[in-house]
Amino acid sequence: MAVTVWSDLHQNVEVGAQGNIRIVINVEAVKTSIDNILRTRKGERLWLPEFGSGLGDFLFESLNDKTLDSAAKEIQKTISIWEPRVSLRGVDFVSDPDNNSLEIAVSFIINGYDQVFQYKGKFSTN
């Protein structure tokens, strides 16, 4: 059995089989943290207004190479500030400009692990 190093609430705040709120552990906890960081707009957290990213602002821009490059830099900067457990290896996008949506794949290494992990998320204006 793996040792639990980190834990977090399940992203969908689901109730488990025993009636407790489900948690995610270790790698899934880190992915949940990255998701929370990227989906939180700066200024949204009352006591920590600088927390989060400006990623949502890019969805209202033309999703061209320049915008995607700026979005990748925002993701890299934001994760390096708020998630010290990881080192980023890359950011890839699949854009759907007609629906103002963006699929993001972030490759990262968790400090102390020898494996590259990937976070995937879809962001849209809807």
N, C-alpha and C. Protein backbone atom coordinates (compact mmCIF):
# COMPACT_ATOMS: atom_id res chain seq x y z
N MET A 1 0.84 -1.19 0.00
CA MET A 1 0.00 0.00 0.00
C MET A 1 0.88 1.25 0.00
N ALA A 2 0.54 2.22 -0.85
CA ALA A 2 1.32 3.45 -0.96
C ALA A 2 1.11 4.32 0.28
N VAL A 3 2.15 5.00 0.66
CA VAL A 3 2.09 5.92 1.79
C VAL A 3 1.46 7.23 1.32
N THR A 4 0.53 7.75 2.09
CA THR A 4 -0.09 9.01 1.76
C THR A 4 0.82 10.15 2.21
N VAL A 5 1.26 10.94 1.25
CA VAL A 5 2.11 12.08 1.56
C VAL A 5 1.28 13.35 1.53
N TRP A 6 0.43 13.50 0.50
CA TRP A 6 -0.43 14.67 0.35
C TRP A 6 -1.85 14.20 0.15
N SER A 7 -2.78 15.00 0.60
CA SER A 7 -4.19 14.70 0.32
C SER A 7 -4.93 16.00 0.09
N ASP A 8 -6.05 15.89 -0.59
CA ASP A 8 -6.88 17.04 -0.89
C ASP A 8 -8.30 16.54 -1.10
N LEU A 9 -9.27 17.44 -1.04
CA LEU A 9 -10.64 17.06 -1.35
C LEU A 9 -10.74 16.70 -2.83
N HIS A 10 -11.59 15.73 -3.15
CA HIS A 10 -11.85 15.39 -4.55
C HIS A 10 -12.39 16.63 -5.24
N GLN A 11 -11.97 16.87 -6.46
CA GLN A 11 -12.33 18.08 -7.20
C GLN A 11 -13.84 18.31 -7.27
N ASN A 12 -14.62 17.25 -7.36
CA ASN A 12 -16.08 17.39 -7.48
C ASN A 12 -16.78 17.33 -6.12
N VAL A 13 -16.02 17.33 -5.03
CA VAL A 13 -16.54 17.22 -3.67
C VAL A 13 -17.59 16.11 -3.61
N GLU A 14 -17.16 14.91 -3.99
CA GLU A 14 -18.03 13.75 -4.00
C GLU A 14 -18.02 13.05 -2.65
N VAL A 15 -19.09 12.35 -2.37
CA VAL A 15 -19.19 11.56 -1.14
C VAL A 15 -18.80 10.12 -1.48
N GLY A 16 -17.92 9.54 -0.66
CA GLY A 16 -17.47 8.18 -0.87
C GLY A 16 -18.47 7.16 -0.37
N ALA A 17 -18.12 5.89 -0.50
CA ALA A 17 -19.00 4.78 -0.13
C ALA A 17 -19.37 4.78 1.35
N GLN A 18 -18.52 5.31 2.19
CA GLN A 18 -18.79 5.32 3.63
C GLN A 18 -19.43 6.62 4.10
N GLY A 19 -19.82 7.47 3.17
CA GLY A 19 -20.49 8.71 3.51
C GLY A 19 -19.57 9.88 3.79
N ASN A 20 -18.27 9.66 3.67
CA ASN A 20 -17.30 10.74 3.87
C ASN A 20 -17.03 11.44 2.55
N ILE A 21 -16.62 12.68 2.63
CA ILE A 21 -16.22 13.39 1.42
C ILE A 21 -14.95 12.74 0.90
N ARG A 22 -14.96 12.39 -0.40
CA ARG A 22 -13.81 11.71 -1.01
C ARG A 22 -12.59 12.63 -1.03
N ILE A 23 -11.44 12.02 -0.83
CA ILE A 23 -10.19 12.75 -0.96
C ILE A 23 -9.34 12.10 -2.04
N VAL A 24 -8.41 12.86 -2.54
CA VAL A 24 -7.42 12.34 -3.48
C VAL A 24 -6.08 12.41 -2.76
N ILE A 25 -5.20 11.49 -3.10
CA ILE A 25 -3.90 11.46 -2.42
C ILE A 25 -2.76 11.52 -3.43
N ASN A 26 -1.63 11.93 -2.93
CA ASN A 26 -0.37 11.96 -3.64
C ASN A 26 -0.47 12.63 -5.01
N VAL A 27 -0.22 11.92 -6.11
CA VAL A 27 -0.18 12.52 -7.44
C VAL A 27 -1.51 13.19 -7.78
N GLU A 28 -2.62 12.54 -7.46
CA GLU A 28 -3.93 13.14 -7.76
C GLU A 28 -4.15 14.42 -6.95
N ALA A 29 -3.60 14.48 -5.75
CA ALA A 29 -3.70 15.70 -4.95
C ALA A 29 -2.93 16.85 -5.60
N VAL A 30 -1.78 16.54 -6.18
CA VAL A 30 -0.99 17.56 -6.87
C VAL A 30 -1.74 18.03 -8.12
N LYS A 31 -2.33 17.11 -8.87
CA LYS A 31 -3.11 17.49 -10.05
C LYS A 31 -4.30 18.35 -9.66
N THR A 32 -4.95 18.03 -8.55
CA THR A 32 -6.07 18.83 -8.06
C THR A 32 -5.59 20.23 -7.70
N SER A 33 -4.43 20.32 -7.08
CA SER A 33 -3.86 21.61 -6.73
C SER A 33 -3.60 22.45 -7.98
N ILE A 34 -3.02 21.85 -9.00
CA ILE A 34 -2.76 22.57 -10.26
C ILE A 34 -4.07 23.05 -10.87
N ASP A 35 -5.08 22.20 -10.86
CA ASP A 35 -6.39 22.57 -11.39
C ASP A 35 -6.96 23.76 -10.62
N ASN A 36 -6.88 23.72 -9.30
CA ASN A 36 -7.39 24.82 -8.48
C ASN A 36 -6.65 26.12 -8.77
N ILE A 37 -5.35 26.03 -8.92
CA ILE A 37 -4.55 27.22 -9.20
C ILE A 37 -4.96 27.83 -10.54
N LEU A 38 -5.06 26.99 -11.58
CA LEU A 38 -5.37 27.50 -12.91
C LEU A 38 -6.81 28.00 -13.04
N ARG A 39 -7.73 27.41 -12.31
CA ARG A 39 -9.14 27.82 -12.43
C ARG A 39 -9.53 28.99 -11.52
N THR A 40 -8.66 29.33 -10.59
CA THR A 40 -8.95 30.46 -9.70
C THR A 40 -8.46 31.74 -10.34
N ARG A 41 -9.34 32.71 -10.44
CA ARG A 41 -8.96 34.02 -10.97
C ARG A 41 -8.27 34.82 -9.87
N LYS A 42 -7.25 35.58 -10.25
CA LYS A 42 -6.61 36.45 -9.28
C LYS A 42 -7.66 37.39 -8.70
N GLY A 43 -7.63 37.55 -7.38
CA GLY A 43 -8.59 38.40 -6.70
C GLY A 43 -9.81 37.65 -6.19
N GLU A 44 -9.95 36.40 -6.58
CA GLU A 44 -11.13 35.61 -6.21
C GLU A 44 -11.06 35.12 -4.76
N ARG A 45 -9.88 34.87 -4.24
CA ARG A 45 -9.73 34.41 -2.85
C ARG A 45 -9.60 35.61 -1.94
N LEU A 46 -10.52 35.71 -1.01
CA LEU A 46 -10.64 36.88 -0.16
C LEU A 46 -9.36 37.21 0.59
N TRP A 47 -8.76 36.24 1.25
CA TRP A 47 -7.60 36.51 2.10
C TRP A 47 -6.27 36.31 1.37
N LEU A 48 -6.35 35.90 0.12
CA LEU A 48 -5.13 35.70 -0.67
C LEU A 48 -5.41 36.15 -2.11
N PRO A 49 -5.61 37.46 -2.32
CA PRO A 49 -6.06 37.94 -3.63
C PRO A 49 -5.07 37.74 -4.76
N GLU A 50 -3.81 37.54 -4.46
CA GLU A 50 -2.83 37.34 -5.54
C GLU A 50 -2.77 35.88 -6.00
N PHE A 51 -3.47 34.97 -5.30
CA PHE A 51 -3.50 33.56 -5.67
C PHE A 51 -4.30 33.37 -6.95
N GLY A 52 -3.85 32.46 -7.79
CA GLY A 52 -4.59 32.10 -8.99
C GLY A 52 -3.85 32.50 -10.25
N SER A 53 -4.58 32.44 -11.36
CA SER A 53 -3.97 32.75 -12.65
C SER A 53 -4.86 33.68 -13.45
N GLY A 54 -4.29 34.25 -14.48
CA GLY A 54 -5.04 35.08 -15.41
C GLY A 54 -5.44 34.29 -16.65
N LEU A 55 -5.46 32.97 -16.53
CA LEU A 55 -5.72 32.10 -17.68
C LEU A 55 -7.07 32.37 -18.32
N GLY A 56 -8.09 32.61 -17.53
CA GLY A 56 -9.43 32.86 -18.07
C GLY A 56 -9.49 34.04 -19.00
N ASP A 57 -8.62 35.02 -18.80
CA ASP A 57 -8.62 36.21 -19.66
C ASP A 57 -8.24 35.87 -21.10
N PHE A 58 -7.44 34.84 -21.28
CA PHE A 58 -7.00 34.48 -22.63
C PHE A 58 -8.14 33.91 -23.47
N LEU A 59 -9.18 33.39 -22.83
CA LEU A 59 -10.30 32.81 -23.56
C LEU A 59 -11.08 33.86 -24.34
N PHE A 60 -10.93 35.12 -23.96
CA PHE A 60 -11.64 36.19 -24.66
C PHE A 60 -10.77 36.83 -25.73
N GLU A 61 -9.57 36.31 -25.90
CA GLU A 61 -8.66 36.80 -26.93
C GLU A 61 -8.73 35.88 -28.15
N SER A 62 -8.18 36.34 -29.25
CA SER A 62 -8.04 35.50 -30.43
C SER A 62 -7.02 34.41 -30.09
N LEU A 63 -7.40 33.15 -30.22
CA LEU A 63 -6.52 32.04 -29.82
C LEU A 63 -5.51 31.72 -30.92
N ASN A 64 -4.58 32.66 -31.13
CA ASN A 64 -3.52 32.47 -32.12
C ASN A 64 -2.23 32.08 -31.40
N ASP A 65 -1.14 31.91 -32.16
CA ASP A 65 0.13 31.47 -31.58
C ASP A 65 0.64 32.43 -30.51
N LYS A 66 0.50 33.72 -30.74
CA LYS A 66 0.98 34.72 -29.78
C LYS A 66 0.20 34.61 -28.46
N THR A 67 -1.10 34.48 -28.55
CA THR A 67 -1.93 34.35 -27.35
C THR A 67 -1.62 33.06 -26.62
N LEU A 68 -1.48 31.96 -27.34
CA LEU A 68 -1.17 30.68 -26.70
C LEU A 68 0.20 30.70 -26.05
N ASP A 69 1.17 31.39 -26.66
CA ASP A 69 2.49 31.53 -26.05
C ASP A 69 2.39 32.32 -24.74
N SER A 70 1.60 33.39 -24.75
CA SER A 70 1.40 34.18 -23.53
C SER A 70 0.68 33.36 -22.47
N ALA A 71 -0.29 32.55 -22.88
CA ALA A 71 -1.01 31.69 -21.93
C ALA A 71 -0.07 30.66 -21.33
N ALA A 72 0.82 30.09 -22.14
CA ALA A 72 1.78 29.11 -21.63
C ALA A 72 2.71 29.75 -20.60
N LYS A 73 3.14 30.97 -20.87
CA LYS A 73 4.00 31.69 -19.92
C LYS A 73 3.24 31.97 -18.62
N GLU A 74 1.98 32.32 -18.72
CA GLU A 74 1.16 32.56 -17.52
C GLU A 74 1.03 31.28 -16.70
N ILE A 75 0.79 30.17 -17.36
CA ILE A 75 0.68 28.88 -16.67
C ILE A 75 1.99 28.54 -15.97
N GLN A 76 3.10 28.68 -16.68
CA GLN A 76 4.40 28.37 -16.10
C GLN A 76 4.70 29.25 -14.89
N LYS A 77 4.45 30.54 -15.03
CA LYS A 77 4.72 31.48 -13.93
C LYS A 77 3.84 31.16 -12.73
N THR A 78 2.56 30.97 -12.98
CA THR A 78 1.61 30.74 -11.90
C THR A 78 1.91 29.44 -11.15
N ILE A 79 2.16 28.37 -11.87
CA ILE A 79 2.44 27.09 -11.21
C ILE A 79 3.76 27.16 -10.45
N SER A 80 4.76 27.84 -11.00
CA SER A 80 6.04 27.94 -10.29
C SER A 80 5.90 28.72 -8.99
N ILE A 81 4.98 29.66 -8.93
CA ILE A 81 4.76 30.43 -7.71
C ILE A 81 3.96 29.63 -6.68
N TRP A 82 2.87 28.97 -7.12
CA TRP A 82 1.91 28.41 -6.18
C TRP A 82 2.00 26.90 -5.97
N GLU A 83 2.80 26.20 -6.76
CA GLU A 83 2.91 24.75 -6.56
C GLU A 83 4.38 24.36 -6.51
N PRO A 84 5.02 24.53 -5.34
CA PRO A 84 6.46 24.26 -5.23
C PRO A 84 6.83 22.78 -5.31
N ARG A 85 5.86 21.89 -5.29
CA ARG A 85 6.16 20.45 -5.36
C ARG A 85 6.52 19.98 -6.75
N VAL A 86 6.32 20.84 -7.78
CA VAL A 86 6.51 20.38 -9.16
C VAL A 86 7.51 21.23 -9.92
N SER A 87 8.06 20.62 -10.96
CA SER A 87 8.86 21.31 -11.97
C SER A 87 8.19 21.06 -13.30
N LEU A 88 7.83 22.13 -14.00
CA LEU A 88 7.14 21.99 -15.28
C LEU A 88 8.09 21.51 -16.36
N ARG A 89 7.56 20.69 -17.26
CA ARG A 89 8.31 20.20 -18.41
C ARG A 89 7.73 20.70 -19.72
N GLY A 90 6.46 21.08 -19.73
CA GLY A 90 5.87 21.59 -20.96
C GLY A 90 4.40 21.89 -20.80
N VAL A 91 3.91 22.74 -21.71
CA VAL A 91 2.50 23.10 -21.76
C VAL A 91 2.06 22.97 -23.22
N ASP A 92 1.00 22.22 -23.45
CA ASP A 92 0.45 22.06 -24.80
C ASP A 92 -1.02 22.45 -24.80
N PHE A 93 -1.50 22.90 -25.96
CA PHE A 93 -2.88 23.35 -26.09
C PHE A 93 -3.57 22.70 -27.29
N VAL A 94 -4.86 22.54 -27.15
CA VAL A 94 -5.74 22.28 -28.28
C VAL A 94 -6.82 23.33 -28.15
N SER A 95 -6.88 24.24 -29.13
CA SER A 95 -7.84 25.33 -29.02
C SER A 95 -9.06 25.09 -29.90
N ASP A 96 -10.17 25.59 -29.44
CA ASP A 96 -11.42 25.56 -30.19
C ASP A 96 -11.96 26.99 -30.20
N PRO A 97 -11.42 27.83 -31.12
CA PRO A 97 -11.78 29.24 -31.12
C PRO A 97 -13.26 29.51 -31.33
N ASP A 98 -13.95 28.63 -32.05
CA ASP A 98 -15.37 28.85 -32.30
C ASP A 98 -16.19 28.79 -31.01
N ASN A 99 -15.70 28.04 -30.03
CA ASN A 99 -16.41 27.91 -28.75
C ASN A 99 -15.65 28.57 -27.60
N ASN A 100 -14.66 29.38 -27.93
CA ASN A 100 -13.82 30.03 -26.92
C ASN A 100 -13.40 29.05 -25.83
N SER A 101 -12.89 27.90 -26.25
CA SER A 101 -12.42 26.92 -25.27
C SER A 101 -11.00 26.50 -25.61
N LEU A 102 -10.37 25.99 -24.58
CA LEU A 102 -8.97 25.63 -24.67
C LEU A 102 -8.74 24.40 -23.82
N GLU A 103 -8.16 23.37 -24.42
CA GLU A 103 -7.74 22.20 -23.65
C GLU A 103 -6.26 22.36 -23.36
N ILE A 104 -5.91 22.15 -22.11
CA ILE A 104 -4.54 22.36 -21.67
C ILE A 104 -3.96 21.06 -21.15
N ALA A 105 -2.74 20.76 -21.55
CA ALA A 105 -2.00 19.61 -21.02
C ALA A 105 -0.69 20.15 -20.46
N VAL A 106 -0.50 19.97 -19.16
CA VAL A 106 0.70 20.42 -18.48
C VAL A 106 1.50 19.19 -18.06
N SER A 107 2.72 19.07 -18.57
CA SER A 107 3.61 17.98 -18.18
C SER A 107 4.50 18.47 -17.05
N PHE A 108 4.65 17.64 -16.01
CA PHE A 108 5.44 18.08 -14.86
C PHE A 108 6.06 16.89 -14.15
N ILE A 109 7.07 17.17 -13.38
CA ILE A 109 7.70 16.19 -12.51
C ILE A 109 7.44 16.64 -11.08
N ILE A 110 7.02 15.72 -10.25
CA ILE A 110 6.87 16.01 -8.84
C ILE A 110 8.25 15.83 -8.21
N ASN A 111 8.69 16.83 -7.48
CA ASN A 111 10.02 16.76 -6.86
C ASN A 111 10.13 15.49 -6.02
N GLY A 112 11.19 14.72 -6.29
CA GLY A 112 11.41 13.47 -5.59
C GLY A 112 10.92 12.25 -6.34
N TYR A 113 10.18 12.46 -7.44
CA TYR A 113 9.71 11.36 -8.28
C TYR A 113 10.54 11.35 -9.56
N ASP A 114 10.66 10.19 -10.19
CA ASP A 114 11.41 10.08 -11.44
C ASP A 114 10.50 10.04 -12.66
N GLN A 115 9.23 10.27 -12.48
CA GLN A 115 8.24 10.10 -13.54
C GLN A 115 7.67 11.46 -13.96
N VAL A 116 7.37 11.57 -15.26
CA VAL A 116 6.68 12.76 -15.75
C VAL A 116 5.18 12.49 -15.69
N PHE A 117 4.45 13.42 -15.09
CA PHE A 117 3.00 13.30 -14.96
C PHE A 117 2.35 14.34 -15.85
N GLN A 118 1.04 14.21 -16.05
CA GLN A 118 0.35 15.17 -16.90
C GLN A 118 -0.99 15.55 -16.27
N TYR A 119 -1.23 16.85 -16.27
CA TYR A 119 -2.52 17.41 -15.88
C TYR A 119 -3.21 17.82 -17.16
N LYS A 120 -4.49 17.49 -17.30
CA LYS A 120 -5.27 17.94 -18.45
C LYS A 120 -6.53 18.63 -17.95
N GLY A 121 -6.86 19.75 -18.57
CA GLY A 121 -8.06 20.48 -18.19
C GLY A 121 -8.63 21.21 -19.39
N LYS A 122 -9.93 21.39 -19.38
CA LYS A 122 -10.60 22.14 -20.43
C LYS A 122 -11.15 23.42 -19.83
N PHE A 123 -10.86 24.51 -20.47
CA PHE A 123 -11.28 25.83 -20.01
C PHE A 123 -12.12 26.48 -21.10
N SER A 124 -13.22 27.09 -20.71
CA SER A 124 -14.07 27.75 -21.69
C SER A 124 -14.76 28.94 -21.06
N THR A 125 -15.35 29.77 -21.90
CA THR A 125 -16.07 30.95 -21.41
C THR A 125 -17.47 30.59 -20.96
N ASN A 126 -17.90 29.36 -21.22
CA ASN A 126 -19.26 28.93 -20.86
C ASN A 126 -19.33 28.53 -19.41
